[in-house]
């Protein structure tokens, strides 16, 4: 898959079939649309093209709204799109200036000028341009002038996407990892840099890698203990993950730390990726260190069974 981050590097596309959206998480609902543009591109002897945005438009238009948490980073999104067989992914730097183009300018000076689309596949309720006044009907009016075909994504398909995205976020907030993974079509991940922690795990006989997450806007699942796979230097290991405040030690700040089973290398300063498999239990304050160790011993049994 070709990835374009500067639109001036786009070059010539072959009979491009394009669609536009945030595609956060590239979940099963999105994949139906991707399958359709791949199919149309094949029929036209052309290329399937996804136009997406970074940062997410809501972060630019409503910078004070911190409620939105994403299901994928931009790099994760690119990898997922590639896995879906997309030919070209174009990452448009989203800005207030970009959002204030007139709808007509957006079509003529962005879509047509740079992409010369053979076909545009777009939702009936997709809005673009200043005050979000551009829509499917405007594209319908201009398709003959600019010589492109237009296909509507059904209300049902779009509703499925919206409902799926909400269900996935809610499932992750509730620790329902199996449900979230089913809706995504793959295992949810978090990546981070291994940093120095308080060394509490080492005192308990379960040394942990403490993570500084790379993308603060990405959703972190509910606090608790999880069975995960850990990717270190591309090698898959089993892991016991804790997301929480370490209440037994009187912690004040949330931490993400993983005990990597059968592993004793120094990985400070390295990037690792967690792949969520199962929620094991909620975080709990124990009356003694001995009780905490006993609980972790049981967690290990449960996690090994889950993995």
C-alpha atoms as a PDB file:
ATOM      1  CA  UNK A   1       0.000   0.000   0.000  1.00  0.00           C
ATOM      2  CA  UNK A   2       1.227   3.459  -0.892  1.00  0.00           C
ATOM      3  CA  UNK A   3       0.998   5.974   1.967  1.00  0.00           C
ATOM      4  CA  UNK A   4       0.866   9.690   1.139  1.00  0.00           C
ATOM      5  CA  UNK A   5       1.284  12.260   3.915  1.00  0.00           C
ATOM      6  CA  UNK A   6       1.886  15.274   1.658  1.00  0.00           C
ATOM      7  CA  UNK A   7      -0.747  15.716  -1.028  1.00  0.00           C
ATOM      8  CA  UNK A   8       1.835  17.258  -3.373  1.00  0.00           C
ATOM      9  CA  UNK A   9       3.514  13.842  -3.442  1.00  0.00           C
ATOM     10  CA  UNK A  10       0.359  12.145  -4.691  1.00  0.00           C
ATOM     11  CA  UNK A  11       1.370  11.833  -8.332  1.00  0.00           C
ATOM     12  CA  UNK A  12      -0.894  10.188 -10.881  1.00  0.00           C
ATOM     13  CA  UNK A  13      -3.523   7.730  -9.706  1.00  0.00           C
ATOM     14  CA  UNK A  14      -5.052   5.088 -11.963  1.00  0.00           C
ATOM     15  CA  UNK A  15      -8.870   5.320 -12.191  1.00  0.00           C
ATOM     16  CA  UNK A  16      -9.066   5.966  -8.444  1.00  0.00           C
ATOM     17  CA  UNK A  17     -12.103   4.849  -6.471  1.00  0.00           C
ATOM     18  CA  UNK A  18     -12.052   7.028  -3.374  1.00  0.00           C
ATOM     19  CA  UNK A  19     -13.814   7.222  -0.068  1.00  0.00           C
ATOM     20  CA  UNK A  20     -13.311   9.708   2.758  1.00  0.00           C
ATOM     21  CA  UNK A  21     -13.558   9.315   6.513  1.00  0.00           C
ATOM     22  CA  UNK A  22     -11.817   9.034   9.846  1.00  0.00           C
ATOM     23  CA  UNK A  23     -11.876   5.199   9.793  1.00  0.00           C
ATOM     24  CA  UNK A  24     -10.988   5.133  13.499  1.00  0.00           C
ATOM     25  CA  UNK A  25     -10.199   1.551  14.478  1.00  0.00           C
ATOM     26  CA  UNK A  26     -10.825   0.219  10.942  1.00  0.00           C
ATOM     27  CA  UNK A  27     -13.348  -2.182  12.471  1.00  0.00           C
ATOM     28  CA  UNK A  28     -15.634  -4.708  10.778  1.00  0.00           C
ATOM     29  CA  UNK A  29     -18.178  -2.025   9.855  1.00  0.00           C
ATOM     30  CA  UNK A  30     -15.535  -0.014   8.012  1.00  0.00           C
ATOM     31  CA  UNK A  31     -14.300  -3.123   6.243  1.00  0.00           C
ATOM     32  CA  UNK A  32     -17.551  -3.531   4.313  1.00  0.00           C
ATOM     33  CA  UNK A  33     -16.946  -0.126   2.708  1.00  0.00           C
ATOM     34  CA  UNK A  34     -13.291  -0.955   2.059  1.00  0.00           C
ATOM     35  CA  UNK A  35     -14.312  -4.237   0.408  1.00  0.00           C
ATOM     36  CA  UNK A  36     -16.667  -2.242  -1.838  1.00  0.00           C
ATOM     37  CA  UNK A  37     -14.052   0.287  -2.984  1.00  0.00           C
ATOM     38  CA  UNK A  38     -11.563  -2.538  -3.559  1.00  0.00           C
ATOM     39  CA  UNK A  39     -14.170  -4.330  -5.680  1.00  0.00           C
ATOM     40  CA  UNK A  40     -15.021  -1.193  -7.699  1.00  0.00           C
ATOM     41  CA  UNK A  41     -11.323  -0.438  -8.237  1.00  0.00           C
ATOM     42  CA  UNK A  42     -10.760  -3.961  -9.541  1.00  0.00           C
ATOM     43  CA  UNK A  43     -13.735  -3.653 -11.923  1.00  0.00           C
ATOM     44  CA  UNK A  44     -12.323  -0.369 -13.272  1.00  0.00           C
ATOM     45  CA  UNK A  45      -8.740  -1.573 -13.440  1.00  0.00           C
ATOM     46  CA  UNK A  46      -8.008   1.216 -10.973  1.00  0.00           C
ATOM     47  CA  UNK A  47      -6.847   1.873  -7.411  1.00  0.00           C
ATOM     48  CA  UNK A  48      -8.758   1.964  -4.136  1.00  0.00           C
ATOM     49  CA  UNK A  49      -7.964   5.174  -2.249  1.00  0.00           C
ATOM     50  CA  UNK A  50      -8.805   6.063   1.348  1.00  0.00           C
ATOM     51  CA  UNK A  51      -8.637   9.749   2.277  1.00  0.00           C
ATOM     52  CA  UNK A  52      -8.403  10.182   6.020  1.00  0.00           C
ATOM     53  CA  UNK A  53      -7.359  12.930   8.413  1.00  0.00           C
ATOM     54  CA  UNK A  54      -4.830  13.574  11.162  1.00  0.00           C
ATOM     55  CA  UNK A  55      -5.400  14.891  13.728  1.00  0.00           C
ATOM     56  CA  UNK A  56      -9.006  13.779  14.108  1.00  0.00           C
ATOM     57  CA  UNK A  57     -11.235  16.679  12.932  1.00  0.00           C
ATOM     58  CA  UNK A  58     -13.010  16.882  16.308  1.00  0.00           C
ATOM     59  CA  UNK A  59      -9.725  17.719  18.036  1.00  0.00           C
ATOM     60  CA  UNK A  60      -9.305  20.713  15.699  1.00  0.00           C
ATOM     61  CA  UNK A  61     -12.896  21.966  15.543  1.00  0.00           C
ATOM     62  CA  UNK A  62     -13.587  21.429  19.273  1.00  0.00           C
ATOM     63  CA  UNK A  63     -10.172  21.576  20.975  1.00  0.00           C
ATOM     64  CA  UNK A  64     -11.740  21.894  24.444  1.00  0.00           C
ATOM     65  CA  UNK A  65     -13.673  18.639  24.053  1.00  0.00           C
ATOM     66  CA  UNK A  66     -11.532  15.921  25.627  1.00  0.00           C
ATOM     67  CA  UNK A  67     -14.246  13.253  25.690  1.00  0.00           C
ATOM     68  CA  UNK A  68     -13.304  11.550  22.421  1.00  0.00           C
ATOM     69  CA  UNK A  69     -10.820   8.698  22.784  1.00  0.00           C
ATOM     70  CA  UNK A  70      -9.607   6.955  19.644  1.00  0.00           C
ATOM     71  CA  UNK A  71      -9.432   3.257  18.828  1.00  0.00           C
ATOM     72  CA  UNK A  72      -6.295   3.568  16.691  1.00  0.00           C
ATOM     73  CA  UNK A  73      -3.293   5.819  16.258  1.00  0.00           C
ATOM     74  CA  UNK A  74      -2.611   7.091  12.758  1.00  0.00           C
ATOM     75  CA  UNK A  75       0.177   4.513  12.273  1.00  0.00           C
ATOM     76  CA  UNK A  76      -2.065   1.691  13.504  1.00  0.00           C
ATOM     77  CA  UNK A  77      -4.776   2.880  11.108  1.00  0.00           C
ATOM     78  CA  UNK A  78      -2.337   2.780   8.197  1.00  0.00           C
ATOM     79  CA  UNK A  79      -1.324  -0.804   9.067  1.00  0.00           C
ATOM     80  CA  UNK A  80      -4.972  -1.879   9.345  1.00  0.00           C
ATOM     81  CA  UNK A  81      -5.863  -0.290   6.000  1.00  0.00           C
ATOM     82  CA  UNK A  82      -2.935  -2.078   4.407  1.00  0.00           C
ATOM     83  CA  UNK A  83      -4.157  -5.377   5.875  1.00  0.00           C
ATOM     84  CA  UNK A  84      -7.533  -4.694   4.205  1.00  0.00           C
ATOM     85  CA  UNK A  85      -5.915  -4.495   0.757  1.00  0.00           C
ATOM     86  CA  UNK A  86      -6.279  -0.742   0.178  1.00  0.00           C
ATOM     87  CA  UNK A  87      -4.020   0.490  -2.633  1.00  0.00           C
ATOM     88  CA  UNK A  88      -3.416   4.079  -1.472  1.00  0.00           C
ATOM     89  CA  UNK A  89      -3.940   5.788   1.915  1.00  0.00           C
ATOM     90  CA  UNK A  90      -3.744   9.581   1.936  1.00  0.00           C
ATOM     91  CA  UNK A  91      -3.320  11.225   5.345  1.00  0.00           C
ATOM     92  CA  UNK A  92      -4.541  14.825   5.128  1.00  0.00           C
ATOM     93  CA  UNK A  93      -3.261  17.188   7.860  1.00  0.00           C
ATOM     94  CA  UNK A  94      -6.575  18.500   9.188  1.00  0.00           C
ATOM     95  CA  UNK A  95      -6.636  22.182  10.100  1.00  0.00           C
ATOM     96  CA  UNK A  96      -9.211  24.876  10.695  1.00  0.00           C
ATOM     97  CA  UNK A  97      -8.151  26.447   7.400  1.00  0.00           C
ATOM     98  CA  UNK A  98      -8.847  23.174   5.569  1.00  0.00           C
ATOM     99  CA  UNK A  99     -12.277  22.937   7.204  1.00  0.00           C
ATOM    100  CA  UNK A 100     -13.198  26.473   6.073  1.00  0.00           C
ATOM    101  CA  UNK A 101     -12.954  25.843   2.324  1.00  0.00           C
ATOM    102  CA  UNK A 102     -16.285  26.333   0.586  1.00  0.00           C
ATOM    103  CA  UNK A 103     -17.887  23.006  -0.371  1.00  0.00           C
ATOM    104  CA  UNK A 104     -17.376  23.861  -4.056  1.00  0.00           C
ATOM    105  CA  UNK A 105     -13.667  24.604  -3.478  1.00  0.00           C
ATOM    106  CA  UNK A 106     -13.325  21.344  -1.553  1.00  0.00           C
ATOM    107  CA  UNK A 107     -14.658  19.428  -4.547  1.00  0.00           C
ATOM    108  CA  UNK A 108     -12.834  21.358  -7.285  1.00  0.00           C
ATOM    109  CA  UNK A 109      -9.552  22.299  -5.629  1.00  0.00           C
ATOM    110  CA  UNK A 110      -9.110  19.243  -3.412  1.00  0.00           C
ATOM    111  CA  UNK A 111     -10.960  16.153  -4.635  1.00  0.00           C
ATOM    112  CA  UNK A 112     -10.864  16.811  -8.377  1.00  0.00           C
ATOM    113  CA  UNK A 113      -7.558  18.696  -8.614  1.00  0.00           C
ATOM    114  CA  UNK A 114      -5.496  16.149  -6.712  1.00  0.00           C
ATOM    115  CA  UNK A 115      -7.365  12.862  -7.109  1.00  0.00           C
ATOM    116  CA  UNK A 116      -9.213  13.005 -10.462  1.00  0.00           C
ATOM    117  CA  UNK A 117     -11.641  10.405  -9.104  1.00  0.00           C
ATOM    118  CA  UNK A 118     -13.160   7.789 -11.339  1.00  0.00           C
ATOM    119  CA  UNK A 119     -15.720   7.093  -8.609  1.00  0.00           C
ATOM    120  CA  UNK A 120     -16.458   8.557  -5.175  1.00  0.00           C
ATOM    121  CA  UNK A 121     -18.066   6.288  -2.578  1.00  0.00           C
ATOM    122  CA  UNK A 122     -19.582   8.361   0.199  1.00  0.00           C
ATOM    123  CA  UNK A 123     -22.299   8.310   2.852  1.00  0.00           C
ATOM    124  CA  UNK A 124     -25.640   9.974   2.242  1.00  0.00           C
ATOM    125  CA  UNK A 125     -25.033  12.097   5.359  1.00  0.00           C
ATOM    126  CA  UNK A 126     -21.344  12.937   4.783  1.00  0.00           C
ATOM    127  CA  UNK A 127     -20.725  16.662   5.286  1.00  0.00           C
ATOM    128  CA  UNK A 128     -17.737  18.727   4.170  1.00  0.00           C
ATOM    129  CA  UNK A 129     -16.562  22.286   3.623  1.00  0.00           C
ATOM    130  CA  UNK A 130     -17.310  25.485   5.529  1.00  0.00           C
ATOM    131  CA  UNK A 131     -20.139  25.075   8.054  1.00  0.00           C
ATOM    132  CA  UNK A 132     -20.407  21.469   6.833  1.00  0.00           C
ATOM    133  CA  UNK A 133     -22.675  22.620   4.005  1.00  0.00           C
ATOM    134  CA  UNK A 134     -21.291  20.266   1.355  1.00  0.00           C
ATOM    135  CA  UNK A 135     -23.009  16.899   1.025  1.00  0.00           C
ATOM    136  CA  UNK A 136     -23.863  13.968  -1.226  1.00  0.00           C
ATOM    137  CA  UNK A 137     -26.421  16.052  -3.138  1.00  0.00           C
ATOM    138  CA  UNK A 138     -23.815  18.667  -4.098  1.00  0.00           C
ATOM    139  CA  UNK A 139     -21.524  15.899  -5.387  1.00  0.00           C
ATOM    140  CA  UNK A 140     -24.504  14.513  -7.323  1.00  0.00           C
ATOM    141  CA  UNK A 141     -25.012  17.922  -8.972  1.00  0.00           C
ATOM    142  CA  UNK A 142     -21.344  18.234  -9.948  1.00  0.00           C
ATOM    143  CA  UNK A 143     -20.428  14.676 -10.957  1.00  0.00           C
ATOM    144  CA  UNK A 144     -21.080  15.231 -14.675  1.00  0.00           C
ATOM    145  CA  UNK A 145     -19.149  18.500 -14.715  1.00  0.00           C
ATOM    146  CA  UNK A 146     -16.093  16.799 -13.203  1.00  0.00           C
ATOM    147  CA  UNK A 147     -16.646  13.400 -14.811  1.00  0.00           C
ATOM    148  CA  UNK A 148     -16.828  11.057 -11.825  1.00  0.00           C
ATOM    149  CA  UNK A 149     -19.315   8.403 -10.770  1.00  0.00           C
ATOM    150  CA  UNK A 150     -20.886   8.506  -7.345  1.00  0.00           C
ATOM    151  CA  UNK A 151     -22.018   5.681  -5.097  1.00  0.00           C
ATOM    152  CA  UNK A 152     -23.891   6.107  -1.844  1.00  0.00           C
ATOM    153  CA  UNK A 153     -23.031   4.168   1.294  1.00  0.00           C
ATOM    154  CA  UNK A 154     -26.376   3.081   2.716  1.00  0.00           C
ATOM    155  CA  UNK A 155     -27.859   4.432   5.924  1.00  0.00           C
ATOM    156  CA  UNK A 156     -27.794   0.877   7.299  1.00  0.00           C
ATOM    157  CA  UNK A 157     -24.042   0.531   6.684  1.00  0.00           C
ATOM    158  CA  UNK A 158     -23.311   3.936   8.253  1.00  0.00           C
ATOM    159  CA  UNK A 159     -25.523   3.205  11.246  1.00  0.00           C
ATOM    160  CA  UNK A 160     -23.662  -0.093  11.683  1.00  0.00           C
ATOM    161  CA  UNK A 161     -20.350   1.793  11.741  1.00  0.00           C
ATOM    162  CA  UNK A 162     -21.541   4.365  14.289  1.00  0.00           C
ATOM    163  CA  UNK A 163     -23.137   1.716  16.493  1.00  0.00           C
ATOM    164  CA  UNK A 164     -20.055  -0.528  16.266  1.00  0.00           C
ATOM    165  CA  UNK A 165     -17.668   2.313  17.172  1.00  0.00           C
ATOM    166  CA  UNK A 166     -19.800   3.203  20.211  1.00  0.00           C
ATOM    167  CA  UNK A 167     -20.123  -0.436  21.248  1.00  0.00           C
ATOM    168  CA  UNK A 168     -16.355  -0.968  20.959  1.00  0.00           C
ATOM    169  CA  UNK A 169     -15.554   2.107  23.071  1.00  0.00           C
ATOM    170  CA  UNK A 170     -18.162   1.127  25.678  1.00  0.00           C
ATOM    171  CA  UNK A 171     -16.877  -2.460  25.761  1.00  0.00           C
ATOM    172  CA  UNK A 172     -13.300  -1.261  26.368  1.00  0.00           C
ATOM    173  CA  UNK A 173     -14.514   1.146  29.067  1.00  0.00           C
ATOM    174  CA  UNK A 174     -16.264  -1.821  30.729  1.00  0.00           C
ATOM    175  CA  UNK A 175     -13.387  -4.285  30.346  1.00  0.00           C
ATOM    176  CA  UNK A 176     -15.390  -6.418  27.879  1.00  0.00           C
ATOM    177  CA  UNK A 177     -12.340  -7.281  25.794  1.00  0.00           C
ATOM    178  CA  UNK A 178     -13.801 -10.313  24.020  1.00  0.00           C
ATOM    179  CA  UNK A 179     -16.760  -8.246  22.790  1.00  0.00           C
ATOM    180  CA  UNK A 180     -14.532  -5.350  21.683  1.00  0.00           C
ATOM    181  CA  UNK A 181     -12.196  -7.690  19.796  1.00  0.00           C
ATOM    182  CA  UNK A 182     -15.122  -9.389  18.036  1.00  0.00           C
ATOM    183  CA  UNK A 183     -16.455  -6.039  16.814  1.00  0.00           C
ATOM    184  CA  UNK A 184     -13.002  -4.844  15.765  1.00  0.00           C
ATOM    185  CA  UNK A 185     -12.179  -8.045  13.947  1.00  0.00           C
ATOM    186  CA  UNK A 186      -8.775  -8.157  15.659  1.00  0.00           C
ATOM    187  CA  UNK A 187      -7.269  -7.796  19.142  1.00  0.00           C
ATOM    188  CA  UNK A 188      -7.177  -4.277  20.608  1.00  0.00           C
ATOM    189  CA  UNK A 189      -3.669  -2.958  21.229  1.00  0.00           C
ATOM    190  CA  UNK A 190      -1.801  -0.309  23.183  1.00  0.00           C
ATOM    191  CA  UNK A 191       1.827   0.639  22.583  1.00  0.00           C
ATOM    192  CA  UNK A 192       4.208   2.476  24.835  1.00  0.00           C
ATOM    193  CA  UNK A 193       7.745   3.273  25.851  1.00  0.00           C
ATOM    194  CA  UNK A 194       9.184   1.283  28.759  1.00  0.00           C
ATOM    195  CA  UNK A 195      10.138   3.710  31.546  1.00  0.00           C
ATOM    196  CA  UNK A 196      11.385   3.462  35.135  1.00  0.00           C
ATOM    197  CA  UNK A 197       8.620   2.793  37.636  1.00  0.00           C
ATOM    198  CA  UNK A 198       8.444   2.490  41.413  1.00  0.00           C
ATOM    199  CA  UNK A 199       9.862  -1.077  41.322  1.00  0.00           C
ATOM    200  CA  UNK A 200       6.926  -2.395  43.412  1.00  0.00           C
ATOM    201  CA  UNK A 201       6.509  -5.388  41.116  1.00  0.00           C
ATOM    202  CA  UNK A 202      10.123  -6.409  41.619  1.00  0.00           C
ATOM    203  CA  UNK A 203       9.590  -6.428  45.415  1.00  0.00           C
ATOM    204  CA  UNK A 204       6.628  -8.770  44.905  1.00  0.00           C
ATOM    205  CA  UNK A 205       8.551 -11.182  42.701  1.00  0.00           C
ATOM    206  CA  UNK A 206       6.730  -9.988  39.591  1.00  0.00           C
ATOM    207  CA  UNK A 207       8.899  -7.316  37.935  1.00  0.00           C
ATOM    208  CA  UNK A 208       6.954  -5.151  35.519  1.00  0.00           C
ATOM    209  CA  UNK A 209       7.640  -2.990  32.498  1.00  0.00           C
ATOM    210  CA  UNK A 210       6.002   0.393  33.117  1.00  0.00           C
ATOM    211  CA  UNK A 211       4.628   2.009  29.986  1.00  0.00           C
ATOM    212  CA  UNK A 212       4.439   5.600  28.908  1.00  0.00           C
ATOM    213  CA  UNK A 213       1.679   5.384  26.297  1.00  0.00           C
ATOM    214  CA  UNK A 214       2.610   6.906  22.947  1.00  0.00           C
ATOM    215  CA  UNK A 215      -0.785   8.372  22.105  1.00  0.00           C
ATOM    216  CA  UNK A 216      -2.677  10.150  24.914  1.00  0.00           C
ATOM    217  CA  UNK A 217      -5.801  10.434  22.747  1.00  0.00           C
ATOM    218  CA  UNK A 218      -6.065   6.634  22.393  1.00  0.00           C
ATOM    219  CA  UNK A 219      -8.562   4.865  24.622  1.00  0.00           C
ATOM    220  CA  UNK A 220      -7.083   3.021  27.606  1.00  0.00           C
ATOM    221  CA  UNK A 221      -9.390   0.219  28.785  1.00  0.00           C
ATOM    222  CA  UNK A 222     -10.906   0.098  32.249  1.00  0.00           C
ATOM    223  CA  UNK A 223      -8.637  -0.311  35.274  1.00  0.00           C
ATOM    224  CA  UNK A 224      -7.935  -3.889  36.264  1.00  0.00           C
ATOM    225  CA  UNK A 225      -5.875  -6.977  35.502  1.00  0.00           C
ATOM    226  CA  UNK A 226      -5.677  -8.369  31.952  1.00  0.00           C
ATOM    227  CA  UNK A 227      -4.293 -11.314  30.051  1.00  0.00           C
ATOM    228  CA  UNK A 228      -2.257  -9.886  27.168  1.00  0.00           C
ATOM    229  CA  UNK A 229       0.286 -10.796  24.567  1.00  0.00           C
ATOM    230  CA  UNK A 230       3.345  -8.542  24.568  1.00  0.00           C
ATOM    231  CA  UNK A 231       5.394  -7.800  21.461  1.00  0.00           C
ATOM    232  CA  UNK A 232       9.039  -7.009  22.221  1.00  0.00           C
ATOM    233  CA  UNK A 233      11.300  -6.586  19.178  1.00  0.00           C
ATOM    234  CA  UNK A 234       8.600  -8.333  17.171  1.00  0.00           C
ATOM    235  CA  UNK A 235       8.661 -11.397  19.450  1.00  0.00           C
ATOM    236  CA  UNK A 236       5.336 -12.443  20.993  1.00  0.00           C
ATOM    237  CA  UNK A 237       5.368 -13.159  24.732  1.00  0.00           C
ATOM    238  CA  UNK A 238       2.650 -13.794  27.307  1.00  0.00           C
ATOM    239  CA  UNK A 239       1.952 -11.085  29.842  1.00  0.00           C
ATOM    240  CA  UNK A 240       0.059 -10.066  32.985  1.00  0.00           C
ATOM    241  CA  UNK A 241      -1.113  -6.468  32.643  1.00  0.00           C
ATOM    242  CA  UNK A 242      -2.220  -4.089  35.366  1.00  0.00           C
ATOM    243  CA  UNK A 243      -3.949  -0.799  34.569  1.00  0.00           C
ATOM    244  CA  UNK A 244      -4.620   1.188  37.720  1.00  0.00           C
ATOM    245  CA  UNK A 245      -3.512   3.177  40.732  1.00  0.00           C
ATOM    246  CA  UNK A 246      -1.695   0.506  42.779  1.00  0.00           C
ATOM    247  CA  UNK A 247      -4.080   1.098  45.725  1.00  0.00           C
ATOM    248  CA  UNK A 248      -2.272  -1.321  48.055  1.00  0.00           C
ATOM    249  CA  UNK A 249       0.794   0.967  47.763  1.00  0.00           C
ATOM    250  CA  UNK A 250      -1.301   4.160  48.029  1.00  0.00           C
ATOM    251  CA  UNK A 251      -0.763   5.160  44.401  1.00  0.00           C
ATOM    252  CA  UNK A 252      -2.169   8.496  43.245  1.00  0.00           C
ATOM    253  CA  UNK A 253      -1.572   8.259  39.491  1.00  0.00           C
ATOM    254  CA  UNK A 254      -2.732   5.686  36.984  1.00  0.00           C
ATOM    255  CA  UNK A 255      -0.056   3.382  35.614  1.00  0.00           C
ATOM    256  CA  UNK A 256       0.093   0.771  32.883  1.00  0.00           C
ATOM    257  CA  UNK A 257       2.530  -2.005  33.763  1.00  0.00           C
ATOM    258  CA  UNK A 258       3.035  -5.508  32.453  1.00  0.00           C
ATOM    259  CA  UNK A 259       4.820  -8.535  33.844  1.00  0.00           C
ATOM    260  CA  UNK A 260       6.221 -10.363  30.806  1.00  0.00           C
ATOM    261  CA  UNK A 261       6.233 -14.076  31.562  1.00  0.00           C
ATOM    262  CA  UNK A 262       9.436 -16.077  31.014  1.00  0.00           C
ATOM    263  CA  UNK A 263      11.360 -12.901  30.206  1.00  0.00           C
ATOM    264  CA  UNK A 264      14.168 -11.127  32.046  1.00  0.00           C
ATOM    265  CA  UNK A 265      15.818  -8.740  29.578  1.00  0.00           C
ATOM    266  CA  UNK A 266      16.411  -5.047  30.265  1.00  0.00           C
ATOM    267  CA  UNK A 267      14.056  -3.206  27.889  1.00  0.00           C
ATOM    268  CA  UNK A 268      14.094   0.319  29.338  1.00  0.00           C
ATOM    269  CA  UNK A 269      13.690   2.855  26.544  1.00  0.00           C
ATOM    270  CA  UNK A 270      12.162   0.322  24.145  1.00  0.00           C
ATOM    271  CA  UNK A 271       8.741   0.428  22.516  1.00  0.00           C
ATOM    272  CA  UNK A 272       6.488  -2.542  23.216  1.00  0.00           C
ATOM    273  CA  UNK A 273       2.935  -3.377  22.147  1.00  0.00           C
ATOM    274  CA  UNK A 274       0.210  -4.997  24.257  1.00  0.00           C
ATOM    275  CA  UNK A 275      -2.480  -7.121  22.611  1.00  0.00           C
ATOM    276  CA  UNK A 276      -5.542  -7.476  24.862  1.00  0.00           C
ATOM    277  CA  UNK A 277      -6.978 -10.984  25.248  1.00  0.00           C
ATOM    278  CA  UNK A 278      -9.119 -11.089  28.414  1.00  0.00           C
ATOM    279  CA  UNK A 279     -10.140  -9.034  31.435  1.00  0.00           C
ATOM    280  CA  UNK A 280      -9.288 -11.025  34.575  1.00  0.00           C
ATOM    281  CA  UNK A 281     -10.449  -8.951  37.543  1.00  0.00           C
ATOM    282  CA  UNK A 282     -10.939  -5.445  38.870  1.00  0.00           C
ATOM    283  CA  UNK A 283      -8.273  -3.511  40.742  1.00  0.00           C
ATOM    284  CA  UNK A 284      -8.402  -4.029  44.508  1.00  0.00           C
ATOM    285  CA  UNK A 285      -6.726  -2.693  47.633  1.00  0.00           C
ATOM    286  CA  UNK A 286      -5.337  -5.563  49.718  1.00  0.00           C
ATOM    287  CA  UNK A 287      -4.828  -5.538  53.492  1.00  0.00           C
ATOM    288  CA  UNK A 288      -1.279  -6.860  53.245  1.00  0.00           C
ATOM    289  CA  UNK A 289       1.518  -7.453  50.773  1.00  0.00           C
ATOM    290  CA  UNK A 290       1.062 -11.207  51.369  1.00  0.00           C
ATOM    291  CA  UNK A 291      -2.580 -10.990  50.264  1.00  0.00           C
ATOM    292  CA  UNK A 292      -1.542  -9.044  47.154  1.00  0.00           C
ATOM    293  CA  UNK A 293       1.101 -11.657  46.236  1.00  0.00           C
ATOM    294  CA  UNK A 294      -1.457 -14.448  46.712  1.00  0.00           C
ATOM    295  CA  UNK A 295      -3.864 -12.603  44.378  1.00  0.00           C
ATOM    296  CA  UNK A 296      -1.146 -12.141  41.739  1.00  0.00           C
ATOM    297  CA  UNK A 297      -0.276 -15.844  42.005  1.00  0.00           C
ATOM    298  CA  UNK A 298      -3.921 -16.641  41.226  1.00  0.00           C
ATOM    299  CA  UNK A 299      -3.957 -14.026  38.438  1.00  0.00           C
ATOM    300  CA  UNK A 300      -1.045 -15.845  36.831  1.00  0.00           C
ATOM    301  CA  UNK A 301      -2.974 -19.135  36.851  1.00  0.00           C
ATOM    302  CA  UNK A 302      -6.041 -17.439  35.310  1.00  0.00           C
ATOM    303  CA  UNK A 303      -3.975 -15.542  32.743  1.00  0.00           C
ATOM    304  CA  UNK A 304      -2.059 -18.618  31.617  1.00  0.00           C
ATOM    305  CA  UNK A 305      -5.395 -20.389  31.144  1.00  0.00           C
ATOM    306  CA  UNK A 306      -6.747 -17.430  29.123  1.00  0.00           C
ATOM    307  CA  UNK A 307      -3.657 -17.344  26.894  1.00  0.00           C
END
